PDB file of N, CA and C in Angstrom:
ATOM      1  N   UNK A   1      16.186  -7.631  -3.018  1.00  0.00           N
ATOM      2  CA  UNK A   1      14.945  -8.339  -2.785  1.00  0.00           C
ATOM      3  C   UNK A   1      13.978  -7.399  -2.055  1.00  0.00           C
ATOM      4  N   UNK A   2      12.743  -7.282  -2.550  1.00  0.00           N
ATOM      5  CA  UNK A   2      11.758  -6.439  -1.875  1.00  0.00           C
ATOM      6  C   UNK A   2      11.303  -7.090  -0.566  1.00  0.00           C
ATOM      7  N   UNK A   3      10.895  -6.259   0.355  1.00  0.00           N
ATOM      8  CA  UNK A   3      10.399  -6.777   1.630  1.00  0.00           C
ATOM      9  C   UNK A   3       9.070  -7.529   1.437  1.00  0.00           C
ATOM     10  N   UNK A   4       8.177  -6.958   0.608  1.00  0.00           N
ATOM     11  CA  UNK A   4       6.854  -7.544   0.414  1.00  0.00           C
ATOM     12  C   UNK A   4       6.526  -7.655  -1.064  1.00  0.00           C
ATOM     13  N   UNK A   5       5.929  -8.769  -1.427  1.00  0.00           N
ATOM     14  CA  UNK A   5       5.379  -8.958  -2.771  1.00  0.00           C
ATOM     15  C   UNK A   5       3.868  -8.825  -2.670  1.00  0.00           C
ATOM     16  N   UNK A   6       3.304  -7.912  -3.445  1.00  0.00           N
ATOM     17  CA  UNK A   6       1.863  -7.738  -3.513  1.00  0.00           C
ATOM     18  C   UNK A   6       1.395  -8.428  -4.784  1.00  0.00           C
ATOM     19  N   UNK A   7       0.569  -9.442  -4.646  1.00  0.00           N
ATOM     20  CA  UNK A   7       0.086 -10.205  -5.792  1.00  0.00           C
ATOM     21  C   UNK A   7      -1.372  -9.843  -6.036  1.00  0.00           C
ATOM     22  N   UNK A   8      -1.646  -9.416  -7.270  1.00  0.00           N
ATOM     23  CA  UNK A   8      -2.986  -8.960  -7.631  1.00  0.00           C
ATOM     24  C   UNK A   8      -3.512  -9.786  -8.802  1.00  0.00           C
ATOM     25  N   UNK A   9      -4.495 -10.671  -8.558  1.00  0.00           N
ATOM     26  CA  UNK A   9      -5.167 -11.316  -9.685  1.00  0.00           C
ATOM     27  C   UNK A   9      -6.035 -10.258 -10.366  1.00  0.00           C
ATOM     28  N   UNK A  10      -5.990 -10.210 -11.678  1.00  0.00           N
ATOM     29  CA  UNK A  10      -6.652  -9.104 -12.375  1.00  0.00           C
ATOM     30  C   UNK A  10      -7.572  -9.605 -13.474  1.00  0.00           C
ATOM     31  N   UNK A  11      -8.844  -9.201 -13.375  1.00  0.00           N
ATOM     32  CA  UNK A  11      -9.799  -9.511 -14.429  1.00  0.00           C
ATOM     33  C   UNK A  11     -10.855  -8.410 -14.477  1.00  0.00           C
ATOM     34  N   UNK A  12     -10.822  -7.627 -15.549  1.00  0.00           N
ATOM     35  CA  UNK A  12     -11.858  -6.623 -15.849  1.00  0.00           C
ATOM     36  C   UNK A  12     -12.160  -5.674 -14.687  1.00  0.00           C
ATOM     37  N   UNK A  13     -11.142  -5.033 -14.186  1.00  0.00           N
ATOM     38  CA  UNK A  13     -11.315  -4.071 -13.094  1.00  0.00           C
ATOM     39  C   UNK A  13     -10.882  -2.665 -13.507  1.00  0.00           C
ATOM     40  N   UNK A  14     -11.025  -2.352 -14.792  1.00  0.00           N
ATOM     41  CA  UNK A  14     -10.592  -1.067 -15.319  1.00  0.00           C
ATOM     42  C   UNK A  14     -11.000   0.152 -14.520  1.00  0.00           C
ATOM     43  N   UNK A  15     -12.252   0.262 -14.088  1.00  0.00           N
ATOM     44  CA  UNK A  15     -12.656   1.469 -13.353  1.00  0.00           C
ATOM     45  C   UNK A  15     -11.976   1.622 -11.990  1.00  0.00           C
ATOM     46  N   UNK A  16     -11.375   0.568 -11.474  1.00  0.00           N
ATOM     47  CA  UNK A  16     -10.837   0.596 -10.115  1.00  0.00           C
ATOM     48  C   UNK A  16      -9.316   0.530 -10.034  1.00  0.00           C
ATOM     49  N   UNK A  17      -8.660   0.053 -11.083  1.00  0.00           N
ATOM     50  CA  UNK A  17      -7.255  -0.329 -10.971  1.00  0.00           C
ATOM     51  C   UNK A  17      -6.330   0.846 -10.656  1.00  0.00           C
ATOM     52  N   UNK A  18      -6.558   2.013 -11.214  1.00  0.00           N
ATOM     53  CA  UNK A  18      -5.664   3.138 -10.924  1.00  0.00           C
ATOM     54  C   UNK A  18      -5.707   3.527  -9.457  1.00  0.00           C
ATOM     55  N   UNK A  19      -6.903   3.625  -8.904  1.00  0.00           N
ATOM     56  CA  UNK A  19      -7.032   3.985  -7.492  1.00  0.00           C
ATOM     57  C   UNK A  19      -6.459   2.887  -6.593  1.00  0.00           C
ATOM     58  N   UNK A  20      -6.679   1.648  -6.965  1.00  0.00           N
ATOM     59  CA  UNK A  20      -6.145   0.531  -6.178  1.00  0.00           C
ATOM     60  C   UNK A  20      -4.612   0.563  -6.171  1.00  0.00           C
ATOM     61  N   UNK A  21      -4.011   0.748  -7.332  1.00  0.00           N
ATOM     62  CA  UNK A  21      -2.547   0.817  -7.391  1.00  0.00           C
ATOM     63  C   UNK A  21      -2.022   2.044  -6.652  1.00  0.00           C
ATOM     64  N   UNK A  22      -2.732   3.148  -6.725  1.00  0.00           N
ATOM     65  CA  UNK A  22      -2.305   4.346  -6.002  1.00  0.00           C
ATOM     66  C   UNK A  22      -2.271   4.079  -4.501  1.00  0.00           C
ATOM     67  N   UNK A  23      -3.207   3.272  -4.010  1.00  0.00           N
ATOM     68  CA  UNK A  23      -3.183   2.943  -2.579  1.00  0.00           C
ATOM     69  C   UNK A  23      -1.944   2.113  -2.233  1.00  0.00           C
ATOM     70  N   UNK A  24      -1.426   1.357  -3.188  1.00  0.00           N
ATOM     71  CA  UNK A  24      -0.155   0.654  -2.973  1.00  0.00           C
ATOM     72  C   UNK A  24       0.997   1.648  -2.936  1.00  0.00           C
ATOM     73  N   UNK A  25       1.005   2.572  -3.873  1.00  0.00           N
ATOM     74  CA  UNK A  25       2.090   3.553  -3.944  1.00  0.00           C
ATOM     75  C   UNK A  25       2.096   4.500  -2.745  1.00  0.00           C
ATOM     76  N   UNK A  26       0.965   4.629  -2.053  1.00  0.00           N
ATOM     77  CA  UNK A  26       0.862   5.510  -0.893  1.00  0.00           C
ATOM     78  C   UNK A  26       1.282   4.834   0.410  1.00  0.00           C
ATOM     79  N   UNK A  27       1.828   3.641   0.333  1.00  0.00           N
ATOM     80  CA  UNK A  27       2.247   2.921   1.530  1.00  0.00           C
ATOM     81  C   UNK A  27       3.410   3.623   2.224  1.00  0.00           C
ATOM     82  N   UNK A  28       3.409   3.585   3.559  1.00  0.00           N
ATOM     83  CA  UNK A  28       4.540   4.147   4.299  1.00  0.00           C
ATOM     84  C   UNK A  28       5.774   3.268   4.136  1.00  0.00           C
ATOM     85  N   UNK A  29       5.594   1.985   3.937  1.00  0.00           N
ATOM     86  CA  UNK A  29       6.689   1.059   3.643  1.00  0.00           C
ATOM     87  C   UNK A  29       6.749   0.897   2.120  1.00  0.00           C
ATOM     88  N   UNK A  30       7.748   1.486   1.508  1.00  0.00           N
ATOM     89  CA  UNK A  30       7.855   1.501   0.051  1.00  0.00           C
ATOM     90  C   UNK A  30       8.692   0.350  -0.515  1.00  0.00           C
ATOM     91  N   UNK A  31       9.086  -0.589   0.333  1.00  0.00           N
ATOM     92  CA  UNK A  31       9.933  -1.700  -0.103  1.00  0.00           C
ATOM     93  C   UNK A  31       9.061  -2.880  -0.543  1.00  0.00           C
ATOM     94  N   UNK A  32       8.485  -2.757  -1.733  1.00  0.00           N
ATOM     95  CA  UNK A  32       7.590  -3.794  -2.233  1.00  0.00           C
ATOM     96  C   UNK A  32       7.702  -3.917  -3.745  1.00  0.00           C
ATOM     97  N   UNK A  33       7.198  -5.035  -4.233  1.00  0.00           N
ATOM     98  CA  UNK A  33       6.988  -5.243  -5.659  1.00  0.00           C
ATOM     99  C   UNK A  33       5.508  -5.546  -5.843  1.00  0.00           C
ATOM    100  N   UNK A  34       4.987  -5.253  -7.025  1.00  0.00           N
ATOM    101  CA  UNK A  34       3.599  -5.556  -7.352  1.00  0.00           C
ATOM    102  C   UNK A  34       3.604  -6.519  -8.529  1.00  0.00           C
ATOM    103  N   UNK A  35       2.949  -7.644  -8.352  1.00  0.00           N
ATOM    104  CA  UNK A  35       2.827  -8.630  -9.424  1.00  0.00           C
ATOM    105  C   UNK A  35       1.348  -8.713  -9.784  1.00  0.00           C
ATOM    106  N   UNK A  36       1.026  -8.242 -10.977  1.00  0.00           N
ATOM    107  CA  UNK A  36      -0.348  -8.279 -11.460  1.00  0.00           C
ATOM    108  C   UNK A  36      -0.462  -9.446 -12.432  1.00  0.00           C
ATOM    109  N   UNK A  37      -1.418 -10.319 -12.192  1.00  0.00           N
ATOM    110  CA  UNK A  37      -1.611 -11.473 -13.072  1.00  0.00           C
ATOM    111  C   UNK A  37      -2.932 -11.263 -13.807  1.00  0.00           C
ATOM    112  N   UNK A  38      -2.807 -10.916 -15.081  1.00  0.00           N
ATOM    113  CA  UNK A  38      -3.966 -10.707 -15.937  1.00  0.00           C
ATOM    114  C   UNK A  38      -4.588 -12.057 -16.281  1.00  0.00           C
ATOM    115  N   UNK A  39      -5.828 -12.226 -15.849  1.00  0.00           N
ATOM    116  CA  UNK A  39      -6.542 -13.486 -16.044  1.00  0.00           C
ATOM    117  C   UNK A  39      -7.424 -13.401 -17.292  1.00  0.00           C
ATOM    118  N   UNK A  40      -6.793 -12.945 -18.385  1.00  0.00           N
ATOM    119  CA  UNK A  40      -7.448 -12.818 -19.694  1.00  0.00           C
ATOM    120  C   UNK A  40      -8.588 -11.785 -19.679  1.00  0.00           C
ATOM    121  N   UNK A  41      -8.268 -10.589 -19.178  1.00  0.00           N
ATOM    122  CA  UNK A  41      -9.249  -9.496 -19.147  1.00  0.00           C
ATOM    123  C   UNK A  41      -9.747  -9.170 -20.542  1.00  0.00           C
ATOM    124  N   UNK A  42     -11.009  -8.784 -20.609  1.00  0.00           N
ATOM    125  CA  UNK A  42     -11.626  -8.467 -21.897  1.00  0.00           C
ATOM    126  C   UNK A  42     -12.152  -7.041 -21.956  1.00  0.00           C
ATOM    127  N   UNK A  43     -11.895  -6.244 -20.908  1.00  0.00           N
ATOM    128  CA  UNK A  43     -12.468  -4.897 -20.859  1.00  0.00           C
ATOM    129  C   UNK A  43     -11.557  -3.816 -21.431  1.00  0.00           C
ATOM    130  N   UNK A  44     -10.425  -4.196 -22.009  1.00  0.00           N
ATOM    131  CA  UNK A  44      -9.524  -3.226 -22.616  1.00  0.00           C
ATOM    132  C   UNK A  44      -8.740  -2.393 -21.613  1.00  0.00           C
ATOM    133  N   UNK A  45      -8.639  -2.848 -20.372  1.00  0.00           N
ATOM    134  CA  UNK A  45      -7.995  -2.051 -19.325  1.00  0.00           C
ATOM    135  C   UNK A  45      -6.503  -2.326 -19.150  1.00  0.00           C
ATOM    136  N   UNK A  46      -5.968  -3.315 -19.806  1.00  0.00           N
ATOM    137  CA  UNK A  46      -4.542  -3.622 -19.648  1.00  0.00           C
ATOM    138  C   UNK A  46      -3.655  -2.437 -20.041  1.00  0.00           C
ATOM    139  N   UNK A  47      -3.989  -1.629 -21.057  1.00  0.00           N
ATOM    140  CA  UNK A  47      -3.161  -0.448 -21.338  1.00  0.00           C
ATOM    141  C   UNK A  47      -3.058   0.530 -20.158  1.00  0.00           C
ATOM    142  N   UNK A  48      -4.052   0.559 -19.290  1.00  0.00           N
ATOM    143  CA  UNK A  48      -3.971   1.403 -18.087  1.00  0.00           C
ATOM    144  C   UNK A  48      -2.829   0.904 -17.205  1.00  0.00           C
ATOM    145  N   UNK A  49      -2.769  -0.390 -17.004  1.00  0.00           N
ATOM    146  CA  UNK A  49      -1.702  -0.976 -16.191  1.00  0.00           C
ATOM    147  C   UNK A  49      -0.349  -0.763 -16.858  1.00  0.00           C
ATOM    148  N   UNK A  50      -0.276  -0.959 -18.159  1.00  0.00           N
ATOM    149  CA  UNK A  50       0.995  -0.776 -18.878  1.00  0.00           C
ATOM    150  C   UNK A  50       1.486   0.658 -18.779  1.00  0.00           C
ATOM    151  N   UNK A  51       0.582   1.616 -18.802  1.00  0.00           N
ATOM    152  CA  UNK A  51       0.959   3.033 -18.646  1.00  0.00           C
ATOM    153  C   UNK A  51       1.540   3.278 -17.255  1.00  0.00           C
ATOM    154  N   UNK A  52       0.903   2.716 -16.246  1.00  0.00           N
ATOM    155  CA  UNK A  52       1.384   2.882 -14.871  1.00  0.00           C
ATOM    156  C   UNK A  52       2.721   2.168 -14.691  1.00  0.00           C
ATOM    157  N   UNK A  53       2.891   1.029 -15.331  1.00  0.00           N
ATOM    158  CA  UNK A  53       4.150   0.280 -15.246  1.00  0.00           C
ATOM    159  C   UNK A  53       5.333   1.091 -15.742  1.00  0.00           C
ATOM    160  N   UNK A  54       5.113   1.912 -16.749  1.00  0.00           N
ATOM    161  CA  UNK A  54       6.200   2.733 -17.296  1.00  0.00           C
ATOM    162  C   UNK A  54       6.727   3.732 -16.269  1.00  0.00           C
ATOM    163  N   UNK A  55       5.887   4.067 -15.282  1.00  0.00           N
ATOM    164  CA  UNK A  55       6.273   5.041 -14.267  1.00  0.00           C
ATOM    165  C   UNK A  55       6.886   4.397 -13.029  1.00  0.00           C
ATOM    166  N   UNK A  56       6.696   3.105 -12.860  1.00  0.00           N
ATOM    167  CA  UNK A  56       7.179   2.451 -11.645  1.00  0.00           C
ATOM    168  C   UNK A  56       7.690   1.047 -11.963  1.00  0.00           C
ATOM    169  N   UNK A  57       8.997   0.849 -11.854  1.00  0.00           N
ATOM    170  CA  UNK A  57       9.588  -0.450 -12.215  1.00  0.00           C
ATOM    171  C   UNK A  57       9.273  -1.577 -11.232  1.00  0.00           C
ATOM    172  N   UNK A  58       8.595  -1.275 -10.138  1.00  0.00           N
ATOM    173  CA  UNK A  58       8.258  -2.328  -9.170  1.00  0.00           C
ATOM    174  C   UNK A  58       7.074  -3.171  -9.622  1.00  0.00           C
ATOM    175  N   UNK A  59       6.434  -2.785 -10.719  1.00  0.00           N
ATOM    176  CA  UNK A  59       5.259  -3.512 -11.206  1.00  0.00           C
ATOM    177  C   UNK A  59       5.669  -4.509 -12.276  1.00  0.00           C
ATOM    178  N   UNK A  60       5.134  -5.708 -12.159  1.00  0.00           N
ATOM    179  CA  UNK A  60       5.345  -6.757 -13.149  1.00  0.00           C
ATOM    180  C   UNK A  60       3.963  -7.246 -13.588  1.00  0.00           C
ATOM    181  N   UNK A  61       3.763  -7.383 -14.882  1.00  0.00           N
ATOM    182  CA  UNK A  61       2.484  -7.839 -15.417  1.00  0.00           C
ATOM    183  C   UNK A  61       2.667  -9.197 -16.073  1.00  0.00           C
ATOM    184  N   UNK A  62       1.947 -10.190 -15.561  1.00  0.00           N
ATOM    185  CA  UNK A  62       1.954 -11.536 -16.127  1.00  0.00           C
ATOM    186  C   UNK A  62       0.600 -11.788 -16.773  1.00  0.00           C
ATOM    187  N   UNK A  63       0.555 -12.725 -17.693  1.00  0.00           N
ATOM    188  CA  UNK A  63      -0.696 -13.056 -18.375  1.00  0.00           C
ATOM    189  C   UNK A  63      -0.941 -14.559 -18.278  1.00  0.00           C
ATOM    190  N   UNK A  64      -2.204 -14.913 -18.166  1.00  0.00           N
ATOM    191  CA  UNK A  64      -2.595 -16.319 -18.209  1.00  0.00           C
ATOM    192  C   UNK A  64      -3.976 -16.417 -18.839  1.00  0.00           C
ATOM    193  N   UNK A  65      -4.276 -17.607 -19.340  1.00  0.00           N
ATOM    194  CA  UNK A  65      -5.635 -17.866 -19.821  1.00  0.00           C
ATOM    195  C   UNK A  65      -6.561 -17.849 -18.619  1.00  0.00           C
ATOM    196  N   UNK A  66      -7.809 -17.489 -18.844  1.00  0.00           N
ATOM    197  CA  UNK A  66      -8.770 -17.335 -17.754  1.00  0.00           C
ATOM    198  C   UNK A  66      -8.878 -18.626 -16.942  1.00  0.00           C
ATOM    199  N   UNK A  67      -8.328 -18.568 -15.723  1.00  0.00           N
ATOM    200  CA  UNK A  67      -8.344 -19.722 -14.820  1.00  0.00           C
ATOM    201  C   UNK A  67      -8.819 -19.352 -13.424  1.00  0.00           C
ATOM    202  N   UNK A  68      -9.161 -18.102 -13.219  1.00  0.00           N
ATOM    203  CA  UNK A  68      -9.666 -17.671 -11.926  1.00  0.00           C
ATOM    204  C   UNK A  68      -8.589 -17.105 -11.017  1.00  0.00           C
ATOM    205  N   UNK A  69      -9.025 -16.466  -9.929  1.00  0.00           N
ATOM    206  CA  UNK A  69      -8.087 -15.777  -9.040  1.00  0.00           C
ATOM    207  C   UNK A  69      -7.133 -16.707  -8.289  1.00  0.00           C
ATOM    208  N   UNK A  70      -7.553 -17.911  -7.960  1.00  0.00           N
ATOM    209  CA  UNK A  70      -6.651 -18.814  -7.235  1.00  0.00           C
ATOM    210  C   UNK A  70      -5.436 -19.169  -8.085  1.00  0.00           C
ATOM    211  N   UNK A  71      -5.661 -19.508  -9.347  1.00  0.00           N
ATOM    212  CA  UNK A  71      -4.537 -19.821 -10.242  1.00  0.00           C
ATOM    213  C   UNK A  71      -3.673 -18.585 -10.495  1.00  0.00           C
ATOM    214  N   UNK A  72      -4.305 -17.424 -10.582  1.00  0.00           N
ATOM    215  CA  UNK A  72      -3.547 -16.181 -10.770  1.00  0.00           C
ATOM    216  C   UNK A  72      -2.640 -15.930  -9.565  1.00  0.00           C
ATOM    217  N   UNK A  73      -3.157 -16.146  -8.376  1.00  0.00           N
ATOM    218  CA  UNK A  73      -2.334 -15.969  -7.170  1.00  0.00           C
ATOM    219  C   UNK A  73      -1.173 -16.958  -7.164  1.00  0.00           C
ATOM    220  N   UNK A  74      -1.445 -18.205  -7.536  1.00  0.00           N
ATOM    221  CA  UNK A  74      -0.370 -19.202  -7.586  1.00  0.00           C
ATOM    222  C   UNK A  74       0.698 -18.825  -8.596  1.00  0.00           C
ATOM    223  N   UNK A  75       0.283 -18.299  -9.742  1.00  0.00           N
ATOM    224  CA  UNK A  75       1.258 -17.868 -10.752  1.00  0.00           C
ATOM    225  C   UNK A  75       2.116 -16.727 -10.200  1.00  0.00           C
ATOM    226  N   UNK A  76       1.484 -15.804  -9.490  1.00  0.00           N
ATOM    227  CA  UNK A  76       2.230 -14.714  -8.874  1.00  0.00           C
ATOM    228  C   UNK A  76       3.211 -15.207  -7.823  1.00  0.00           C
ATOM    229  N   UNK A  77       2.808 -16.192  -7.049  1.00  0.00           N
ATOM    230  CA  UNK A  77       3.701 -16.746  -6.026  1.00  0.00           C
ATOM    231  C   UNK A  77       4.973 -17.327  -6.630  1.00  0.00           C
ATOM    232  N   UNK A  78       4.857 -17.870  -7.820  1.00  0.00           N
ATOM    233  CA  UNK A  78       6.025 -18.494  -8.467  1.00  0.00           C
ATOM    234  C   UNK A  78       7.124 -17.491  -8.800  1.00  0.00           C
ATOM    235  N   UNK A  79       6.769 -16.218  -8.972  1.00  0.00           N
ATOM    236  CA  UNK A  79       7.781 -15.206  -9.317  1.00  0.00           C
ATOM    237  C   UNK A  79       8.029 -14.214  -8.193  1.00  0.00           C
ATOM    238  N   UNK A  80       7.270 -14.299  -7.113  1.00  0.00           N
ATOM    239  CA  UNK A  80       7.408 -13.359  -6.000  1.00  0.00           C
ATOM    240  C   UNK A  80       8.795 -13.468  -5.375  1.00  0.00           C
ATOM    241  N   UNK A  81       9.386 -12.313  -5.056  1.00  0.00           N
ATOM    242  CA  UNK A  81      10.718 -12.274  -4.473  1.00  0.00           C
ATOM    243  C   UNK A  81      10.719 -11.744  -3.050  1.00  0.00           C
ATOM    244  N   UNK A  82       9.581 -11.290  -2.563  1.00  0.00           N
ATOM    245  CA  UNK A  82       9.518 -10.677  -1.246  1.00  0.00           C
ATOM    246  C   UNK A  82       9.645 -11.676  -0.109  1.00  0.00           C
ATOM    247  N   UNK A  83      10.092 -11.156   1.025  1.00  0.00           N
ATOM    248  CA  UNK A  83      10.130 -11.952   2.249  1.00  0.00           C
ATOM    249  C   UNK A  83       8.702 -12.249   2.707  1.00  0.00           C
ATOM    250  N   UNK A  84       7.817 -11.286   2.480  1.00  0.00           N
ATOM    251  CA  UNK A  84       6.405 -11.420   2.830  1.00  0.00           C
ATOM    252  C   UNK A  84       5.567 -11.331   1.558  1.00  0.00           C
ATOM    253  N   UNK A  85       4.365 -11.896   1.618  1.00  0.00           N
ATOM    254  CA  UNK A  85       3.448 -11.864   0.478  1.00  0.00           C
ATOM    255  C   UNK A  85       2.105 -11.326   0.957  1.00  0.00           C
ATOM    256  N   UNK A  86       1.537 -10.453   0.147  1.00  0.00           N
ATOM    257  CA  UNK A  86       0.193  -9.952   0.416  1.00  0.00           C
ATOM    258  C   UNK A  86      -0.648 -10.151  -0.833  1.00  0.00           C
ATOM    259  N   UNK A  87      -1.811 -10.733  -0.660  1.00  0.00           N
ATOM    260  CA  UNK A  87      -2.750 -10.856  -1.769  1.00  0.00           C
ATOM    261  C   UNK A  87      -3.706  -9.677  -1.702  1.00  0.00           C
ATOM    262  N   UNK A  88      -3.989  -9.131  -2.849  1.00  0.00           N
ATOM    263  CA  UNK A  88      -4.733  -7.889  -2.952  1.00  0.00           C
ATOM    264  C   UNK A  88      -5.579  -7.987  -4.207  1.00  0.00           C
ATOM    265  N   UNK A  89      -6.797  -7.510  -4.166  1.00  0.00           N
ATOM    266  CA  UNK A  89      -7.643  -7.514  -5.364  1.00  0.00           C
ATOM    267  C   UNK A  89      -7.615  -6.144  -6.027  1.00  0.00           C
ATOM    268  N   UNK A  90      -7.810  -6.123  -7.320  1.00  0.00           N
ATOM    269  CA  UNK A  90      -7.658  -4.898  -8.110  1.00  0.00           C
ATOM    270  C   UNK A  90      -8.739  -3.861  -7.844  1.00  0.00           C
ATOM    271  N   UNK A  91      -9.720  -4.185  -7.022  1.00  0.00           N
ATOM    272  CA  UNK A  91     -10.716  -3.185  -6.649  1.00  0.00           C
ATOM    273  C   UNK A  91     -10.692  -2.911  -5.144  1.00  0.00           C
ATOM    274  N   UNK A  92      -9.599  -3.302  -4.482  1.00  0.00           N
ATOM    275  CA  UNK A  92      -9.410  -3.024  -3.062  1.00  0.00           C
ATOM    276  C   UNK A  92      -8.579  -1.758  -2.888  1.00  0.00           C
ATOM    277  N   UNK A  93      -8.628  -1.210  -1.687  1.00  0.00           N
ATOM    278  CA  UNK A  93      -7.788  -0.070  -1.321  1.00  0.00           C
ATOM    279  C   UNK A  93      -7.064  -0.419  -0.029  1.00  0.00           C
ATOM    280  N   UNK A  94      -5.777  -0.110   0.013  1.00  0.00           N
ATOM    281  CA  UNK A  94      -4.970  -0.388   1.199  1.00  0.00           C
ATOM    282  C   UNK A  94      -4.847   0.862   2.052  1.00  0.00           C
ATOM    283  N   UNK A  95      -4.933   0.696   3.360  1.00  0.00           N
ATOM    284  CA  UNK A  95      -4.617   1.780   4.284  1.00  0.00           C
ATOM    285  C   UNK A  95      -3.118   2.052   4.173  1.00  0.00           C
ATOM    286  N   UNK A  96      -2.681   3.298   4.365  1.00  0.00           N
ATOM    287  CA  UNK A  96      -1.263   3.644   4.166  1.00  0.00           C
ATOM    288  C   UNK A  96      -0.262   2.834   4.986  1.00  0.00           C
ATOM    289  N   UNK A  97      -0.645   2.349   6.141  1.00  0.00           N
ATOM    290  CA  UNK A  97       0.291   1.567   6.985  1.00  0.00           C
ATOM    291  C   UNK A  97       0.109   0.061   6.849  1.00  0.00           C
ATOM    292  N   UNK A  98      -0.663  -0.372   5.868  1.00  0.00           N
ATOM    293  CA  UNK A  98      -0.962  -1.798   5.729  1.00  0.00           C
ATOM    294  C   UNK A  98       0.302  -2.656   5.645  1.00  0.00           C
ATOM    295  N   UNK A  99       1.197  -2.352   4.719  1.00  0.00           N
ATOM    296  CA  UNK A  99       2.388  -3.190   4.537  1.00  0.00           C
ATOM    297  C   UNK A  99       3.311  -3.130   5.740  1.00  0.00           C
ATOM    298  N   UNK A 100       3.439  -1.970   6.342  1.00  0.00           N
ATOM    299  CA  UNK A 100       4.276  -1.830   7.538  1.00  0.00           C
ATOM    300  C   UNK A 100       3.726  -2.677   8.665  1.00  0.00           C
ATOM    301  N   UNK A 101       2.419  -2.636   8.867  1.00  0.00           N
ATOM    302  CA  UNK A 101       1.783  -3.436   9.910  1.00  0.00           C
ATOM    303  C   UNK A 101       1.923  -4.918   9.610  1.00  0.00           C
ATOM    304  N   UNK A 102       1.772  -5.292   8.354  1.00  0.00           N
ATOM    305  CA  UNK A 102       1.893  -6.688   7.951  1.00  0.00           C
ATOM    306  C   UNK A 102       3.289  -7.240   8.270  1.00  0.00           C
ATOM    307  N   UNK A 103       4.315  -6.469   7.991  1.00  0.00           N
ATOM    308  CA  UNK A 103       5.687  -6.958   8.093  1.00  0.00           C
ATOM    309  C   UNK A 103       6.304  -6.774   9.471  1.00  0.00           C
ATOM    310  N   UNK A 104       5.776  -5.885  10.263  1.00  0.00           N
ATOM    311  CA  UNK A 104       6.363  -5.639  11.598  1.00  0.00           C
ATOM    312  C   UNK A 104       5.853  -6.596  12.651  1.00  0.00           C
TER     313      UNK A 104
END
């Protein structure tokens, strides 16, 4: 079981998603899973996430019809396995000690 589940509602954030995910991978606490909930993106950016997923098994990609970020977060909560949960947007950047500070 991962220490923290990072839930990311995702809709049309192609220009930002790689850098945002990299900020997750740069965490000092590496005991996490990432649950990305695609809220029916239309910008063609899902292949970017799928490419990154092939490199890191901690990422899970879920899909839903466009229902907004609240429903996406709820869908992510249903599959989250972490002791702690962090909500994160696909155009945010995390400081390297964010998860460690959250869980300690």
